[in-house]
C-alpha cells in the first residue's frame, strides 16, 4: 500500500478503527476501552527522541491538564518499541500512554492512513475521536513538519469537552 502523505488519512466523520497496542509500561491499551466514556486525542509521531516529536509530545506533557481530563484521553503512537517508549517517557516526563505500533509493523498507522511506506514510520497524524468512535478532527503533516498543539485544544473545545 503506497500512502502519499495525508492523502489516504481517515477523514472527519469516519468510524475510528479499534486497536490494542502496548504502552511504555508494556500494558495493553485499546481504543475501545474509552468507548462511551471519553474522547481520545490520537497523536501519531514518527520516532521517539527526535526534535519535532520531542517538542510536540513535550507540549502535551508540560500542559497535560489541558489535554487530559474526565472527558478526553491522549494516546500517542509510533513504530518504536515499548522499551524505547519507556526510556523516552522517563527522560521527557511524559505521563500519558505512548503506544508501540511495532508489530505488525505500522498496522495501526496503516489503518488510519498515515503510514509512510517510503520511510516505514507514521506521518504526523492527529485524530480526535469522540466517545462514540467517530473522528471529529483529522490532520496529517509529513514527517519533517511539526503540528500546532493549539489546534488540538481548539478541536477538543469544539467537541464540547472542557480544556484545562
Protein backbone atom coordinates (compact mmCIF):
# COMPACT_ATOMS: atom_id res chain seq x y z
CA UNK A 1 0.00 0.00 0.00
CA UNK A 2 1.51 3.31 -1.01
CA UNK A 3 0.45 6.25 1.07
CA UNK A 4 1.08 9.71 -0.24
CA UNK A 5 1.40 11.82 2.90
CA UNK A 6 -2.05 12.63 4.18
CA UNK A 7 -3.96 11.65 1.06
CA UNK A 8 -5.34 8.41 2.46
CA UNK A 9 -5.85 9.53 6.07
CA UNK A 10 -9.25 8.79 7.54
CA UNK A 11 -11.49 11.86 7.21
CA UNK A 12 -13.71 13.55 9.75
CA UNK A 13 -16.93 11.57 10.15
CA UNK A 14 -15.26 8.17 9.74
CA UNK A 15 -15.53 5.44 12.32
CA UNK A 16 -12.13 5.12 14.02
CA UNK A 17 -10.63 1.64 13.71
CA UNK A 18 -10.19 -0.08 17.06
CA UNK A 19 -6.73 -1.22 18.09
CA UNK A 20 -4.87 -2.74 21.01
CA UNK A 21 -1.23 -1.77 21.49
CA UNK A 22 1.30 -1.98 24.32
CA UNK A 23 2.27 1.21 26.13
CA UNK A 24 5.61 2.20 27.67
CA UNK A 25 4.79 0.05 30.69
CA UNK A 26 4.12 -2.95 28.42
CA UNK A 27 0.40 -2.83 29.27
CA UNK A 28 -2.21 -3.27 26.56
CA UNK A 29 -4.27 -0.18 25.78
CA UNK A 30 -7.28 -0.47 23.46
CA UNK A 31 -9.19 2.37 21.84
CA UNK A 32 -12.44 0.56 22.67
CA UNK A 33 -11.58 0.87 26.38
CA UNK A 34 -12.62 4.54 26.15
CA UNK A 35 -15.83 3.96 24.14
CA UNK A 36 -18.81 5.65 25.71
CA UNK A 37 -16.60 7.26 28.35
CA UNK A 38 -14.01 9.60 26.85
CA UNK A 39 -12.95 11.19 23.62
CA UNK A 40 -9.44 10.24 22.53
CA UNK A 41 -6.81 12.53 21.05
CA UNK A 42 -4.76 10.08 18.96
CA UNK A 43 -1.34 11.50 18.07
CA UNK A 44 0.86 9.56 15.63
CA UNK A 45 4.54 10.50 15.57
CA UNK A 46 7.47 9.09 13.56
CA UNK A 47 10.19 8.44 16.16
CA UNK A 48 10.93 8.88 19.85
CA UNK A 49 13.92 11.07 20.74
CA UNK A 50 13.79 13.23 17.60
CA UNK A 51 13.48 17.01 17.67
CA UNK A 52 9.98 17.66 16.38
CA UNK A 53 8.46 14.62 18.12
CA UNK A 54 10.10 15.57 21.41
CA UNK A 55 8.75 19.11 21.05
CA UNK A 56 5.19 18.08 20.18
CA UNK A 57 4.88 15.44 22.88
CA UNK A 58 6.67 17.72 25.32
CA UNK A 59 3.94 20.32 24.82
CA UNK A 60 1.34 17.73 25.75
CA UNK A 61 3.40 16.61 28.74
CA UNK A 62 4.00 20.16 30.02
CA UNK A 63 0.33 21.03 29.68
CA UNK A 64 -1.17 17.60 30.36
CA UNK A 65 -4.02 19.00 32.44
CA UNK A 66 -5.23 20.95 29.39
CA UNK A 67 -5.18 17.87 27.15
CA UNK A 68 -6.33 15.13 29.52
CA UNK A 69 -9.50 15.33 31.61
CA UNK A 70 -12.52 13.32 32.64
CA UNK A 71 -13.68 13.91 29.06
CA UNK A 72 -10.52 13.33 26.99
CA UNK A 73 -7.57 10.90 26.94
CA UNK A 74 -4.36 11.37 24.93
CA UNK A 75 -2.80 8.34 23.23
CA UNK A 76 0.44 8.79 21.28
CA UNK A 77 1.53 6.14 18.75
CA UNK A 78 4.78 5.40 16.93
CA UNK A 79 6.51 2.35 15.48
CA UNK A 80 9.11 2.45 18.27
CA UNK A 81 9.19 -0.46 20.72
CA UNK A 82 7.62 -0.30 24.18
CA UNK A 83 11.15 -0.35 25.58
CA UNK A 84 12.14 2.78 23.66
CA UNK A 85 8.92 4.43 24.78
CA UNK A 86 9.73 3.62 28.41
CA UNK A 87 13.04 5.49 28.28
CA UNK A 88 11.52 8.33 26.21
CA UNK A 89 8.64 8.73 28.70
CA UNK A 90 11.02 8.73 31.67
CA UNK A 91 13.52 11.12 30.09
CA UNK A 92 10.91 13.64 28.97
CA UNK A 93 8.44 13.10 31.84
CA UNK A 94 5.63 12.05 29.51
CA UNK A 95 2.84 10.83 31.76
CA UNK A 96 0.41 9.58 29.13
CA UNK A 97 0.35 6.38 27.07
CA UNK A 98 3.00 6.06 24.35
CA UNK A 99 1.82 3.12 22.27
CA UNK A 100 4.00 0.83 20.21
CA UNK A 101 2.83 0.12 16.65
CA UNK A 102 5.96 -2.01 16.25
CA UNK A 103 4.43 -5.31 15.14
CA UNK A 104 2.76 -5.95 12.85
CA UNK A 105 4.88 -3.04 11.69
CA UNK A 106 2.79 0.11 11.46
CA UNK A 107 -0.54 -1.74 11.24
CA UNK A 108 -2.46 0.89 13.21
CA UNK A 109 -0.86 3.77 11.28
CA UNK A 110 -1.85 1.94 8.08
CA UNK A 111 -5.45 1.54 9.31
CA UNK A 112 -5.63 5.31 9.91
CA UNK A 113 -3.99 6.06 6.55
CA UNK A 114 -0.92 7.80 7.98
CA UNK A 115 1.78 5.17 7.39
CA UNK A 116 4.63 6.41 5.21
CA UNK A 117 5.79 3.42 3.17
CA UNK A 118 8.91 5.19 1.91
CA UNK A 119 10.31 5.66 5.42
CA UNK A 120 8.49 2.89 7.30
CA UNK A 121 7.02 5.14 10.01
CA UNK A 122 3.86 7.10 10.70
CA UNK A 123 3.47 10.57 9.31
CA UNK A 124 2.37 13.17 11.87
CA UNK A 125 -1.31 12.26 12.02
CA UNK A 126 -3.67 13.58 14.67
CA UNK A 127 -7.24 12.41 15.18
CA UNK A 128 -9.80 13.49 17.77
CA UNK A 129 -12.19 10.59 18.25
CA UNK A 130 -15.42 11.24 20.13
CA UNK A 131 -16.76 8.86 22.77
CA UNK A 132 -18.85 7.12 20.09
CA UNK A 133 -15.78 6.29 18.00
CA UNK A 134 -16.33 8.93 15.28
CA UNK A 135 -13.39 11.01 14.06
CA UNK A 136 -14.20 14.69 14.71
CA UNK A 137 -10.81 16.21 13.82
CA UNK A 138 -8.15 14.94 11.44
CA UNK A 139 -4.83 16.42 10.34
CA UNK A 140 -1.73 14.94 8.75
CA UNK A 141 1.66 16.50 8.26
CA UNK A 142 4.67 14.95 6.60
CA UNK A 143 7.45 13.75 8.87
CA UNK A 144 9.55 16.94 8.81
CA UNK A 145 6.68 19.33 9.50
CA UNK A 146 5.52 19.89 13.08
CA UNK A 147 1.96 20.45 14.23
CA UNK A 148 0.41 23.15 16.37
CA UNK A 149 -0.97 21.61 19.59
CA UNK A 150 -3.28 24.62 19.95
CA UNK A 151 -5.29 23.23 17.02
CA UNK A 152 -5.83 20.07 19.07
CA UNK A 153 -7.06 22.08 22.04
CA UNK A 154 -9.39 24.03 19.75
CA UNK A 155 -10.80 20.74 18.40
CA UNK A 156 -11.28 19.40 21.93
CA UNK A 157 -13.10 22.61 22.85
CA UNK A 158 -15.33 22.36 19.76
CA UNK A 159 -16.21 18.83 20.81
CA UNK A 160 -17.65 20.34 23.96
CA UNK A 161 -15.02 18.86 26.24
CA UNK A 162 -13.53 21.20 28.83
CA UNK A 163 -10.00 22.39 28.13
CA UNK A 164 -7.86 22.96 31.26
